[in-house]
Amino acid sequence: LKLQFLYFIGGRGGDLKKKKKKEMSEKRDRVSKVGLPKMVGVPEWCVEETVAGSSKAGAGTAVVMQVVVVDAQSRVDEMPETRKVNFTLDPSALEVALNGMNKIKEQLAASSA
């Protein structure tokens, strides 16, 4: 499972901002039609030492996370499957993910104000 963070960085000028909002709206529409899994929890995480050769960066520390996701419902008469997804983040990947999440948080706060 590859995690991607989609967020909008507002541009300068009204026309550019409107264009970007429209593009993001179209992306959201496409994503909602695909039926992506929904994260329902982060039950476990830990920081571990990695062994040289087990990652691109070599030896060092990494965060190991287990996220619980529910698949998109494809049939009305069936409950979607819940599954656990494990992944690792090295410090630089964790920094990128946190920066992206903070930008999303700022956008949500601005849109609800």
PDB file of N, CA and C in Angstrom:
ATOM      1  N   LEU A   1       0.852  -1.176   0.000  1.00  0.00           N
ATOM      2  CA  LEU A   1       0.000   0.000   0.000  1.00  0.00           C
ATOM      3  C   LEU A   1       0.889   1.227   0.000  1.00  0.00           C
ATOM      4  N   LYS A   2       0.690   2.078  -0.947  1.00  0.00           N
ATOM      5  CA  LYS A   2       1.482   3.296  -1.045  1.00  0.00           C
ATOM      6  C   LYS A   2       0.626   4.444  -0.547  1.00  0.00           C
ATOM      7  N   LEU A   3       1.111   5.162   0.457  1.00  0.00           N
ATOM      8  CA  LEU A   3       0.361   6.282   1.001  1.00  0.00           C
ATOM      9  C   LEU A   3       0.709   7.543   0.239  1.00  0.00           C
ATOM     10  N   GLN A   4      -0.286   8.286  -0.132  1.00  0.00           N
ATOM     11  CA  GLN A   4      -0.081   9.543  -0.821  1.00  0.00           C
ATOM     12  C   GLN A   4      -0.871  10.612  -0.098  1.00  0.00           C
ATOM     13  N   PHE A   5      -0.279  11.777   0.006  1.00  0.00           N
ATOM     14  CA  PHE A   5      -0.945  12.899   0.637  1.00  0.00           C
ATOM     15  C   PHE A   5      -1.246  13.920  -0.438  1.00  0.00           C
ATOM     16  N   LEU A   6      -2.526  14.141  -0.688  1.00  0.00           N
ATOM     17  CA  LEU A   6      -2.956  15.139  -1.656  1.00  0.00           C
ATOM     18  C   LEU A   6      -3.354  16.375  -0.885  1.00  0.00           C
ATOM     19  N   TYR A   7      -2.745  17.481  -1.200  1.00  0.00           N
ATOM     20  CA  TYR A   7      -3.131  18.722  -0.553  1.00  0.00           C
ATOM     21  C   TYR A   7      -2.975  19.865  -1.529  1.00  0.00           C
ATOM     22  N   PHE A   8      -3.656  20.957  -1.229  1.00  0.00           N
ATOM     23  CA  PHE A   8      -3.653  22.125  -2.089  1.00  0.00           C
ATOM     24  C   PHE A   8      -2.844  23.220  -1.437  1.00  0.00           C
ATOM     25  N   ILE A   9      -1.915  23.787  -2.179  1.00  0.00           N
ATOM     26  CA  ILE A   9      -1.169  24.940  -1.719  1.00  0.00           C
ATOM     27  C   ILE A   9      -1.706  26.126  -2.499  1.00  0.00           C
ATOM     28  N   GLY A  10      -2.344  27.036  -1.802  1.00  0.00           N
ATOM     29  CA  GLY A  10      -2.994  28.179  -2.450  1.00  0.00           C
ATOM     30  C   GLY A  10      -2.001  29.032  -3.221  1.00  0.00           C
ATOM     31  N   GLY A  11      -2.391  29.414  -4.424  1.00  0.00           N
ATOM     32  CA  GLY A  11      -1.538  30.266  -5.240  1.00  0.00           C
ATOM     33  C   GLY A  11      -1.856  31.725  -5.037  1.00  0.00           C
ATOM     34  N   ARG A  12      -1.099  32.576  -5.651  1.00  0.00           N
ATOM     35  CA  ARG A  12      -1.334  34.020  -5.566  1.00  0.00           C
ATOM     36  C   ARG A  12      -2.264  34.410  -6.699  1.00  0.00           C
ATOM     37  N   GLY A  13      -3.158  35.314  -6.403  1.00  0.00           N
ATOM     38  CA  GLY A  13      -4.073  35.784  -7.436  1.00  0.00           C
ATOM     39  C   GLY A  13      -5.342  34.969  -7.457  1.00  0.00           C
ATOM     40  N   GLY A  14      -6.452  35.619  -7.705  1.00  0.00           N
ATOM     41  CA  GLY A  14      -7.760  34.970  -7.670  1.00  0.00           C
ATOM     42  C   GLY A  14      -7.949  33.893  -8.720  1.00  0.00           C
ATOM     43  N   ASP A  15      -7.550  34.164  -9.994  1.00  0.00           N
ATOM     44  CA  ASP A  15      -7.778  33.192 -11.059  1.00  0.00           C
ATOM     45  C   ASP A  15      -6.996  31.910 -10.825  1.00  0.00           C
ATOM     46  N   LEU A  16      -5.741  32.039 -10.405  1.00  0.00           N
ATOM     47  CA  LEU A  16      -4.916  30.866 -10.153  1.00  0.00           C
ATOM     48  C   LEU A  16      -5.488  30.053  -9.009  1.00  0.00           C
ATOM     49  N   LYS A  17      -5.929  30.733  -7.966  1.00  0.00           N
ATOM     50  CA  LYS A  17      -6.499  30.044  -6.815  1.00  0.00           C
ATOM     51  C   LYS A  17      -7.780  29.304  -7.204  1.00  0.00           C
ATOM     52  N   LYS A  18      -8.638  29.932  -8.003  1.00  0.00           N
ATOM     53  CA  LYS A  18      -9.875  29.283  -8.458  1.00  0.00           C
ATOM     54  C   LYS A  18      -9.558  28.064  -9.311  1.00  0.00           C
ATOM     55  N   LYS A  19      -8.559  28.204 -10.194  1.00  0.00           N
ATOM     56  CA  LYS A  19      -8.174  27.098 -11.063  1.00  0.00           C
ATOM     57  C   LYS A  19      -7.680  25.912 -10.232  1.00  0.00           C
ATOM     58  N   LYS A  20      -6.836  26.189  -9.239  1.00  0.00           N
ATOM     59  CA  LYS A  20      -6.301  25.122  -8.386  1.00  0.00           C
ATOM     60  C   LYS A  20      -7.417  24.458  -7.579  1.00  0.00           C
ATOM     61  N   LYS A  21      -8.353  25.256  -7.057  1.00  0.00           N
ATOM     62  CA  LYS A  21      -9.466  24.682  -6.299  1.00  0.00           C
ATOM     63  C   LYS A  21     -10.304  23.770  -7.186  1.00  0.00           C
ATOM     64  N   LYS A  22     -10.525  24.205  -8.438  1.00  0.00           N
ATOM     65  CA  LYS A  22     -11.304  23.384  -9.371  1.00  0.00           C
ATOM     66  C   LYS A  22     -10.568  22.076  -9.664  1.00  0.00           C
ATOM     67  N   GLU A  23      -9.245  22.155  -9.880  1.00  0.00           N
ATOM     68  CA  GLU A  23      -8.455  20.951 -10.142  1.00  0.00           C
ATOM     69  C   GLU A  23      -8.522  19.992  -8.951  1.00  0.00           C
ATOM     70  N   MET A  24      -8.406  20.527  -7.723  1.00  0.00           N
ATOM     71  CA  MET A  24      -8.462  19.675  -6.541  1.00  0.00           C
ATOM     72  C   MET A  24      -9.852  19.060  -6.377  1.00  0.00           C
ATOM     73  N   SER A  25     -10.890  19.825  -6.706  1.00  0.00           N
ATOM     74  CA  SER A  25     -12.255  19.304  -6.631  1.00  0.00           C
ATOM     75  C   SER A  25     -12.424  18.134  -7.597  1.00  0.00           C
ATOM     76  N   GLU A  26     -11.877  18.275  -8.796  1.00  0.00           N
ATOM     77  CA  GLU A  26     -11.950  17.190  -9.779  1.00  0.00           C
ATOM     78  C   GLU A  26     -11.178  15.967  -9.294  1.00  0.00           C
ATOM     79  N   LYS A  27     -10.007  16.170  -8.673  1.00  0.00           N
ATOM     80  CA  LYS A  27      -9.231  15.053  -8.133  1.00  0.00           C
ATOM     81  C   LYS A  27     -10.018  14.341  -7.042  1.00  0.00           C
ATOM     82  N   ARG A  28     -10.646  15.115  -6.137  1.00  0.00           N
ATOM     83  CA  ARG A  28     -11.447  14.508  -5.067  1.00  0.00           C
ATOM     84  C   ARG A  28     -12.583  13.683  -5.651  1.00  0.00           C
ATOM     85  N   ASP A  29     -13.231  14.198  -6.704  1.00  0.00           N
ATOM     86  CA  ASP A  29     -14.319  13.454  -7.340  1.00  0.00           C
ATOM     87  C   ASP A  29     -13.812  12.135  -7.910  1.00  0.00           C
ATOM     88  N   ARG A  30     -12.656  12.163  -8.565  1.00  0.00           N
ATOM     89  CA  ARG A  30     -12.091  10.929  -9.130  1.00  0.00           C
ATOM     90  C   ARG A  30     -11.727   9.958  -8.022  1.00  0.00           C
ATOM     91  N   VAL A  31     -11.116  10.453  -6.937  1.00  0.00           N
ATOM     92  CA  VAL A  31     -10.708   9.588  -5.832  1.00  0.00           C
ATOM     93  C   VAL A  31     -11.926   8.967  -5.166  1.00  0.00           C
ATOM     94  N   SER A  32     -13.005   9.741  -4.968  1.00  0.00           N
ATOM     95  CA  SER A  32     -14.184   9.193  -4.304  1.00  0.00           C
ATOM     96  C   SER A  32     -14.858   8.117  -5.140  1.00  0.00           C
ATOM     97  N   LYS A  33     -14.751   8.197  -6.462  1.00  0.00           N
ATOM     98  CA  LYS A  33     -15.346   7.179  -7.326  1.00  0.00           C
ATOM     99  C   LYS A  33     -14.554   5.879  -7.278  1.00  0.00           C
ATOM    100  N   VAL A  34     -13.255   5.975  -7.012  1.00  0.00           N
ATOM    101  CA  VAL A  34     -12.413   4.787  -6.964  1.00  0.00           C
ATOM    102  C   VAL A  34     -12.738   3.953  -5.734  1.00  0.00           C
ATOM    103  N   GLY A  35     -13.093   4.573  -4.635  1.00  0.00           N
ATOM    104  CA  GLY A  35     -13.408   3.842  -3.412  1.00  0.00           C
ATOM    105  C   GLY A  35     -12.166   3.422  -2.661  1.00  0.00           C
ATOM    106  N   LEU A  36     -11.406   4.386  -2.201  1.00  0.00           N
ATOM    107  CA  LEU A  36     -10.184   4.102  -1.454  1.00  0.00           C
ATOM    108  C   LEU A  36     -10.506   3.569  -0.063  1.00  0.00           C
ATOM    109  N   PRO A  37      -9.584   2.792   0.518  1.00  0.00           N
ATOM    110  CA  PRO A  37      -9.798   2.334   1.891  1.00  0.00           C
ATOM    111  C   PRO A  37      -9.837   3.521   2.851  1.00  0.00           C
ATOM    112  N   LYS A  38     -10.536   3.348   3.967  1.00  0.00           N
ATOM    113  CA  LYS A  38     -10.644   4.397   4.978  1.00  0.00           C
ATOM    114  C   LYS A  38      -9.846   3.970   6.207  1.00  0.00           C
ATOM    115  N   MET A  39      -8.972   4.865   6.677  1.00  0.00           N
ATOM    116  CA  MET A  39      -8.196   4.553   7.871  1.00  0.00           C
ATOM    117  C   MET A  39      -9.111   4.659   9.081  1.00  0.00           C
ATOM    118  N   VAL A  40      -9.142   3.626   9.905  1.00  0.00           N
ATOM    119  CA  VAL A  40      -9.994   3.630  11.084  1.00  0.00           C
ATOM    120  C   VAL A  40      -9.203   3.584  12.382  1.00  0.00           C
ATOM    121  N   GLY A  41      -7.877   3.514  12.295  1.00  0.00           N
ATOM    122  CA  GLY A  41      -7.087   3.542  13.514  1.00  0.00           C
ATOM    123  C   GLY A  41      -5.616   3.288  13.273  1.00  0.00           C
ATOM    124  N   VAL A  42      -4.825   3.761  14.210  1.00  0.00           N
ATOM    125  CA  VAL A  42      -3.386   3.487  14.222  1.00  0.00           C
ATOM    126  C   VAL A  42      -3.118   2.778  15.548  1.00  0.00           C
ATOM    127  N   PRO A  43      -3.316   1.462  15.571  1.00  0.00           N
ATOM    128  CA  PRO A  43      -3.237   0.765  16.848  1.00  0.00           C
ATOM    129  C   PRO A  43      -1.827   0.613  17.419  1.00  0.00           C
ATOM    130  N   GLU A  44      -0.819   0.561  16.558  1.00  0.00           N
ATOM    131  CA  GLU A  44       0.529   0.315  17.059  1.00  0.00           C
ATOM    132  C   GLU A  44       1.563   1.092  16.269  1.00  0.00           C
ATOM    133  N   TRP A  45       2.602   1.508  16.949  1.00  0.00           N
ATOM    134  CA  TRP A  45       3.755   2.077  16.289  1.00  0.00           C
ATOM    135  C   TRP A  45       4.949   1.912  17.224  1.00  0.00           C
ATOM    136  N   CYS A  46       6.132   1.848  16.662  1.00  0.00           N
ATOM    137  CA  CYS A  46       7.342   1.773  17.468  1.00  0.00           C
ATOM    138  C   CYS A  46       8.519   2.304  16.647  1.00  0.00           C
ATOM    139  N   VAL A  47       9.575   2.677  17.351  1.00  0.00           N
ATOM    140  CA  VAL A  47      10.805   3.127  16.705  1.00  0.00           C
ATOM    141  C   VAL A  47      11.786   1.978  16.798  1.00  0.00           C
ATOM    142  N   GLU A  48      12.365   1.603  15.664  1.00  0.00           N
ATOM    143  CA  GLU A  48      13.289   0.477  15.627  1.00  0.00           C
ATOM    144  C   GLU A  48      14.577   0.858  14.946  1.00  0.00           C
ATOM    145  N   GLU A  49      15.614   0.163  15.307  1.00  0.00           N
ATOM    146  CA  GLU A  49      16.890   0.294  14.608  1.00  0.00           C
ATOM    147  C   GLU A  49      16.835  -0.600  13.378  1.00  0.00           C
ATOM    148  N   THR A  50      17.244  -0.069  12.221  1.00  0.00           N
ATOM    149  CA  THR A  50      17.263  -0.876  11.006  1.00  0.00           C
ATOM    150  C   THR A  50      18.673  -1.390  10.766  1.00  0.00           C
ATOM    151  N   VAL A  51      18.760  -2.482  10.053  1.00  0.00           N
ATOM    152  CA  VAL A  51      20.031  -3.113   9.738  1.00  0.00           C
ATOM    153  C   VAL A  51      20.517  -2.594   8.389  1.00  0.00           C
ATOM    154  N   ALA A  52      21.809  -2.414   8.239  1.00  0.00           N
ATOM    155  CA  ALA A  52      22.363  -1.957   6.959  1.00  0.00           C
ATOM    156  C   ALA A  52      21.943  -2.921   5.865  1.00  0.00           C
ATOM    157  N   GLY A  53      21.491  -2.391   4.746  1.00  0.00           N
ATOM    158  CA  GLY A  53      21.075  -3.211   3.623  1.00  0.00           C
ATOM    159  C   GLY A  53      19.586  -3.507   3.610  1.00  0.00           C
ATOM    160  N   SER A  54      18.887  -3.254   4.729  1.00  0.00           N
ATOM    161  CA  SER A  54      17.445  -3.534   4.759  1.00  0.00           C
ATOM    162  C   SER A  54      16.623  -2.366   4.236  1.00  0.00           C
ATOM    163  N   SER A  55      17.278  -1.217   4.036  1.00  0.00           N
ATOM    164  CA  SER A  55      16.579  -0.072   3.476  1.00  0.00           C
ATOM    165  C   SER A  55      17.543   0.696   2.589  1.00  0.00           C
ATOM    166  N   LYS A  56      17.012   1.630   1.816  1.00  0.00           N
ATOM    167  CA  LYS A  56      17.845   2.415   0.915  1.00  0.00           C
ATOM    168  C   LYS A  56      18.862   3.258   1.673  1.00  0.00           C
ATOM    169  N   ALA A  57      18.461   3.734   2.866  1.00  0.00           N
ATOM    170  CA  ALA A  57      19.323   4.628   3.621  1.00  0.00           C
ATOM    171  C   ALA A  57      20.383   3.887   4.419  1.00  0.00           C
ATOM    172  N   GLY A  58      20.308   2.559   4.496  1.00  0.00           N
ATOM    173  CA  GLY A  58      21.264   1.813   5.296  1.00  0.00           C
ATOM    174  C   GLY A  58      20.791   1.726   6.731  1.00  0.00           C
ATOM    175  N   ALA A  59      21.755   1.549   7.656  1.00  0.00           N
ATOM    176  CA  ALA A  59      21.412   1.402   9.065  1.00  0.00           C
ATOM    177  C   ALA A  59      20.944   2.735   9.637  1.00  0.00           C
ATOM    178  N   GLY A  60      20.068   2.664  10.626  1.00  0.00           N
ATOM    179  CA  GLY A  60      19.551   3.860  11.279  1.00  0.00           C
ATOM    180  C   GLY A  60      18.268   3.535  12.000  1.00  0.00           C
ATOM    181  N   THR A  61      17.479   4.555  12.268  1.00  0.00           N
ATOM    182  CA  THR A  61      16.211   4.344  12.950  1.00  0.00           C
ATOM    183  C   THR A  61      15.056   4.517  11.974  1.00  0.00           C
ATOM    184  N   ALA A  62      13.957   3.868  12.284  1.00  0.00           N
ATOM    185  CA  ALA A  62      12.751   3.976  11.460  1.00  0.00           C
ATOM    186  C   ALA A  62      11.539   3.788  12.358  1.00  0.00           C
ATOM    187  N   VAL A  63      10.433   4.370  11.941  1.00  0.00           N
ATOM    188  CA  VAL A  63       9.161   4.180  12.640  1.00  0.00           C
ATOM    189  C   VAL A  63       8.424   3.057  11.925  1.00  0.00           C
ATOM    190  N   VAL A  64       7.970   2.080  12.679  1.00  0.00           N
ATOM    191  CA  VAL A  64       7.172   0.995  12.138  1.00  0.00           C
ATOM    192  C   VAL A  64       5.744   1.226  12.615  1.00  0.00           C
ATOM    193  N   MET A  65       4.813   1.318  11.670  1.00  0.00           N
ATOM    194  CA  MET A  65       3.416   1.587  12.015  1.00  0.00           C
ATOM    195  C   MET A  65       2.517   0.480  11.488  1.00  0.00           C
ATOM    196  N   GLN A  66       1.446   0.246  12.235  1.00  0.00           N
ATOM    197  CA  GLN A  66       0.406  -0.673  11.790  1.00  0.00           C
ATOM    198  C   GLN A  66      -0.897   0.122  11.777  1.00  0.00           C
ATOM    199  N   VAL A  67      -1.480   0.292  10.603  1.00  0.00           N
ATOM    200  CA  VAL A  67      -2.697   1.080  10.428  1.00  0.00           C
ATOM    201  C   VAL A  67      -3.845   0.135  10.110  1.00  0.00           C
ATOM    202  N   VAL A  68      -4.999   0.363  10.734  1.00  0.00           N
ATOM    203  CA  VAL A  68      -6.189  -0.428  10.456  1.00  0.00           C
ATOM    204  C   VAL A  68      -7.016   0.335   9.427  1.00  0.00           C
ATOM    205  N   VAL A  69      -7.327  -0.333   8.304  1.00  0.00           N
ATOM    206  CA  VAL A  69      -8.128   0.285   7.247  1.00  0.00           C
ATOM    207  C   VAL A  69      -9.340  -0.591   6.939  1.00  0.00           C
ATOM    208  N   VAL A  70     -10.404   0.075   6.477  1.00  0.00           N
ATOM    209  CA  VAL A  70     -11.609  -0.617   6.034  1.00  0.00           C
ATOM    210  C   VAL A  70     -11.718  -0.377   4.544  1.00  0.00           C
ATOM    211  N   ASP A  71     -11.839  -1.452   3.781  1.00  0.00           N
ATOM    212  CA  ASP A  71     -11.993  -1.325   2.331  1.00  0.00           C
ATOM    213  C   ASP A  71     -13.298  -0.610   2.010  1.00  0.00           C
ATOM    214  N   ALA A  72     -13.345  -0.004   0.840  1.00  0.00           N
ATOM    215  CA  ALA A  72     -14.575   0.659   0.386  1.00  0.00           C
ATOM    216  C   ALA A  72     -15.667  -0.396   0.206  1.00  0.00           C
ATOM    217  N   GLN A  73     -16.874  -0.029   0.555  1.00  0.00           N
ATOM    218  CA  GLN A  73     -17.993  -0.963   0.424  1.00  0.00           C
ATOM    219  C   GLN A  73     -18.354  -1.104  -1.044  1.00  0.00           C
ATOM    220  N   SER A  74     -18.305  -2.318  -1.547  1.00  0.00           N
ATOM    221  CA  SER A  74     -18.595  -2.553  -2.958  1.00  0.00           C
ATOM    222  C   SER A  74     -19.995  -3.126  -3.172  1.00  0.00           C
ATOM    223  N   ARG A  75     -20.557  -3.751  -2.124  1.00  0.00           N
ATOM    224  CA  ARG A  75     -21.899  -4.318  -2.223  1.00  0.00           C
ATOM    225  C   ARG A  75     -22.713  -3.902  -1.008  1.00  0.00           C
ATOM    226  N   VAL A  76     -23.984  -3.651  -1.229  1.00  0.00           N
ATOM    227  CA  VAL A  76     -24.862  -3.212  -0.148  1.00  0.00           C
ATOM    228  C   VAL A  76     -25.062  -4.320   0.879  1.00  0.00           C
ATOM    229  N   ASP A  77     -25.095  -5.569   0.441  1.00  0.00           N
ATOM    230  CA  ASP A  77     -25.389  -6.678   1.335  1.00  0.00           C
ATOM    231  C   ASP A  77     -24.159  -7.273   2.014  1.00  0.00           C
ATOM    232  N   GLU A  78     -22.977  -6.669   1.835  1.00  0.00           N
ATOM    233  CA  GLU A  78     -21.749  -7.191   2.444  1.00  0.00           C
ATOM    234  C   GLU A  78     -21.013  -6.088   3.186  1.00  0.00           C
ATOM    235  N   MET A  79     -20.487  -6.438   4.362  1.00  0.00           N
ATOM    236  CA  MET A  79     -19.670  -5.501   5.116  1.00  0.00           C
ATOM    237  C   MET A  79     -18.268  -5.470   4.497  1.00  0.00           C
ATOM    238  N   PRO A  80     -17.666  -4.288   4.393  1.00  0.00           N
ATOM    239  CA  PRO A  80     -16.320  -4.220   3.833  1.00  0.00           C
ATOM    240  C   PRO A  80     -15.300  -4.859   4.776  1.00  0.00           C
ATOM    241  N   GLU A  81     -14.219  -5.334   4.205  1.00  0.00           N
ATOM    242  CA  GLU A  81     -13.179  -6.015   4.961  1.00  0.00           C
ATOM    243  C   GLU A  81     -12.317  -5.013   5.726  1.00  0.00           C
ATOM    244  N   THR A  82     -11.991  -5.344   6.976  1.00  0.00           N
ATOM    245  CA  THR A  82     -11.050  -4.566   7.779  1.00  0.00           C
ATOM    246  C   THR A  82      -9.725  -5.305   7.762  1.00  0.00           C
ATOM    247  N   ARG A  83      -8.649  -4.558   7.534  1.00  0.00           N
ATOM    248  CA  ARG A  83      -7.333  -5.210   7.503  1.00  0.00           C
ATOM    249  C   ARG A  83      -6.280  -4.310   8.123  1.00  0.00           C
ATOM    250  N   LYS A  84      -5.172  -4.913   8.502  1.00  0.00           N
ATOM    251  CA  LYS A  84      -4.047  -4.182   9.095  1.00  0.00           C
ATOM    252  C   LYS A  84      -2.955  -4.045   8.051  1.00  0.00           C
ATOM    253  N   VAL A  85      -2.416  -2.839   7.929  1.00  0.00           N
ATOM    254  CA  VAL A  85      -1.351  -2.565   6.972  1.00  0.00           C
ATOM    255  C   VAL A  85      -0.134  -2.105   7.754  1.00  0.00           C
ATOM    256  N   ASN A  86       0.994  -2.779   7.555  1.00  0.00           N
ATOM    257  CA  ASN A  86       2.245  -2.416   8.211  1.00  0.00           C
ATOM    258  C   ASN A  86       3.153  -1.680   7.237  1.00  0.00           C
ATOM    259  N   PHE A  87       3.809  -0.628   7.712  1.00  0.00           N
ATOM    260  CA  PHE A  87       4.777   0.077   6.883  1.00  0.00           C
ATOM    261  C   PHE A  87       5.819   0.751   7.768  1.00  0.00           C
ATOM    262  N   THR A  88       6.933   1.116   7.161  1.00  0.00           N
ATOM    263  CA  THR A  88       8.005   1.803   7.879  1.00  0.00           C
ATOM    264  C   THR A  88       8.251   3.172   7.263  1.00  0.00           C
ATOM    265  N   LEU A  89       8.705   4.084   8.094  1.00  0.00           N
ATOM    266  CA  LEU A  89       9.084   5.424   7.649  1.00  0.00           C
ATOM    267  C   LEU A  89      10.447   5.753   8.251  1.00  0.00           C
ATOM    268  N   ASP A  90      11.405   6.115   7.397  1.00  0.00           N
ATOM    269  CA  ASP A  90      12.672   6.595   7.931  1.00  0.00           C
ATOM    270  C   ASP A  90      12.454   8.048   8.368  1.00  0.00           C
ATOM    271  N   PRO A  91      13.398   8.650   9.081  1.00  0.00           N
ATOM    272  CA  PRO A  91      13.177  10.019   9.589  1.00  0.00           C
ATOM    273  C   PRO A  91      12.820  11.038   8.510  1.00  0.00           C
ATOM    274  N   SER A  92      13.429  10.966   7.338  1.00  0.00           N
ATOM    275  CA  SER A  92      13.117  11.948   6.297  1.00  0.00           C
ATOM    276  C   SER A  92      11.712  11.719   5.731  1.00  0.00           C
ATOM    277  N   ALA A  93      11.291  10.472   5.557  1.00  0.00           N
ATOM    278  CA  ALA A  93       9.944  10.182   5.074  1.00  0.00           C
ATOM    279  C   ALA A  93       8.909  10.593   6.116  1.00  0.00           C
ATOM    280  N   LEU A  94       9.222  10.399   7.388  1.00  0.00           N
ATOM    281  CA  LEU A  94       8.315  10.813   8.454  1.00  0.00           C
ATOM    282  C   LEU A  94       8.156  12.333   8.446  1.00  0.00           C
ATOM    283  N   GLU A  95       9.242  13.054   8.235  1.00  0.00           N
ATOM    284  CA  GLU A  95       9.190  14.522   8.176  1.00  0.00           C
ATOM    285  C   GLU A  95       8.306  14.992   7.022  1.00  0.00           C
ATOM    286  N   VAL A  96       8.437  14.371   5.856  1.00  0.00           N
ATOM    287  CA  VAL A  96       7.609  14.723   4.700  1.00  0.00           C
ATOM    288  C   VAL A  96       6.134  14.450   5.000  1.00  0.00           C
ATOM    289  N   ALA A  97       5.852  13.295   5.596  1.00  0.00           N
ATOM    290  CA  ALA A  97       4.466  12.941   5.922  1.00  0.00           C
ATOM    291  C   ALA A  97       3.877  13.918   6.941  1.00  0.00           C
ATOM    292  N   LEU A  98       4.632  14.271   7.951  1.00  0.00           N
ATOM    293  CA  LEU A  98       4.136  15.200   8.965  1.00  0.00           C
ATOM    294  C   LEU A  98       3.916  16.596   8.394  1.00  0.00           C
ATOM    295  N   ASN A  99       4.826  17.055   7.537  1.00  0.00           N
ATOM    296  CA  ASN A  99       4.642  18.361   6.885  1.00  0.00           C
ATOM    297  C   ASN A  99       3.366  18.370   6.050  1.00  0.00           C
ATOM    298  N   GLY A 100       3.140  17.310   5.298  1.00  0.00           N
ATOM    299  CA  GLY A 100       1.929  17.200   4.489  1.00  0.00           C
ATOM    300  C   GLY A 100       0.682  17.182   5.349  1.00  0.00           C
ATOM    301  N   MET A 101       0.711  16.436   6.442  1.00  0.00           N
ATOM    302  CA  MET A 101      -0.443  16.372   7.339  1.00  0.00           C
ATOM    303  C   MET A 101      -0.706  17.724   7.997  1.00  0.00           C
ATOM    304  N   ASN A 102       0.355  18.442   8.348  1.00  0.00           N
ATOM    305  CA  ASN A 102       0.166  19.769   8.945  1.00  0.00           C
ATOM    306  C   ASN A 102      -0.465  20.733   7.947  1.00  0.00           C
ATOM    307  N   LYS A 103      -0.088  20.649   6.678  1.00  0.00           N
ATOM    308  CA  LYS A 103      -0.701  21.500   5.656  1.00  0.00           C
ATOM    309  C   LYS A 103      -2.180  21.147   5.490  1.00  0.00           C
ATOM    310  N   ILE A 104      -2.491  19.867   5.538  1.00  0.00           N
ATOM    311  CA  ILE A 104      -3.885  19.435   5.462  1.00  0.00           C
ATOM    312  C   ILE A 104      -4.653  19.965   6.662  1.00  0.00           C
ATOM    313  N   LYS A 105      -4.066  19.879   7.842  1.00  0.00           N
ATOM    314  CA  LYS A 105      -4.704  20.375   9.066  1.00  0.00           C
ATOM    315  C   LYS A 105      -4.983  21.875   8.957  1.00  0.00           C
ATOM    316  N   GLU A 106      -4.020  22.636   8.446  1.00  0.00           N
ATOM    317  CA  GLU A 106      -4.200  24.083   8.286  1.00  0.00           C
ATOM    318  C   GLU A 106      -5.340  24.381   7.308  1.00  0.00           C
ATOM    319  N   GLN A 107      -5.396  23.631   6.207  1.00  0.00           N
ATOM    320  CA  GLN A 107      -6.469  23.840   5.219  1.00  0.00           C
ATOM    321  C   GLN A 107      -7.835  23.535   5.815  1.00  0.00           C
ATOM    322  N   LEU A 108      -7.941  22.444   6.553  1.00  0.00           N
ATOM    323  CA  LEU A 108      -9.215  22.088   7.162  1.00  0.00           C
ATOM    324  C   LEU A 108      -9.652  23.143   8.165  1.00  0.00           C
ATOM    325  N   ALA A 109      -8.695  23.655   8.944  1.00  0.00           N
ATOM    326  CA  ALA A 109      -9.022  24.699   9.922  1.00  0.00           C
ATOM    327  C   ALA A 109      -9.479  25.972   9.200  1.00  0.00           C
ATOM    328  N   ALA A 110      -8.827  26.324   8.103  1.00  0.00           N
ATOM    329  CA  ALA A 110      -9.186  27.531   7.363  1.00  0.00           C
ATOM    330  C   ALA A 110     -10.551  27.374   6.689  1.00  0.00           C
ATOM    331  N   SER A 111     -10.857  26.183   6.208  1.00  0.00           N
ATOM    332  CA  SER A 111     -12.129  25.989   5.510  1.00  0.00           C
ATOM    333  C   SER A 111     -13.308  25.904   6.470  1.00  0.00           C
ATOM    334  N   SER A 112     -13.071  25.536   7.716  1.00  0.00           N
ATOM    335  CA  SER A 112     -14.162  25.449   8.681  1.00  0.00           C
ATOM    336  C   SER A 112     -14.356  26.748   9.448  1.00  0.00           C
ATOM    337  N   ALA A 113     -13.463  27.705   9.252  1.00  0.00           N
ATOM    338  CA  ALA A 113     -13.569  28.993   9.974  1.00  0.00           C
ATOM    339  C   ALA A 113     -14.576  29.924   9.332  1.00  0.00           C
TER     340      ALA A 113
END
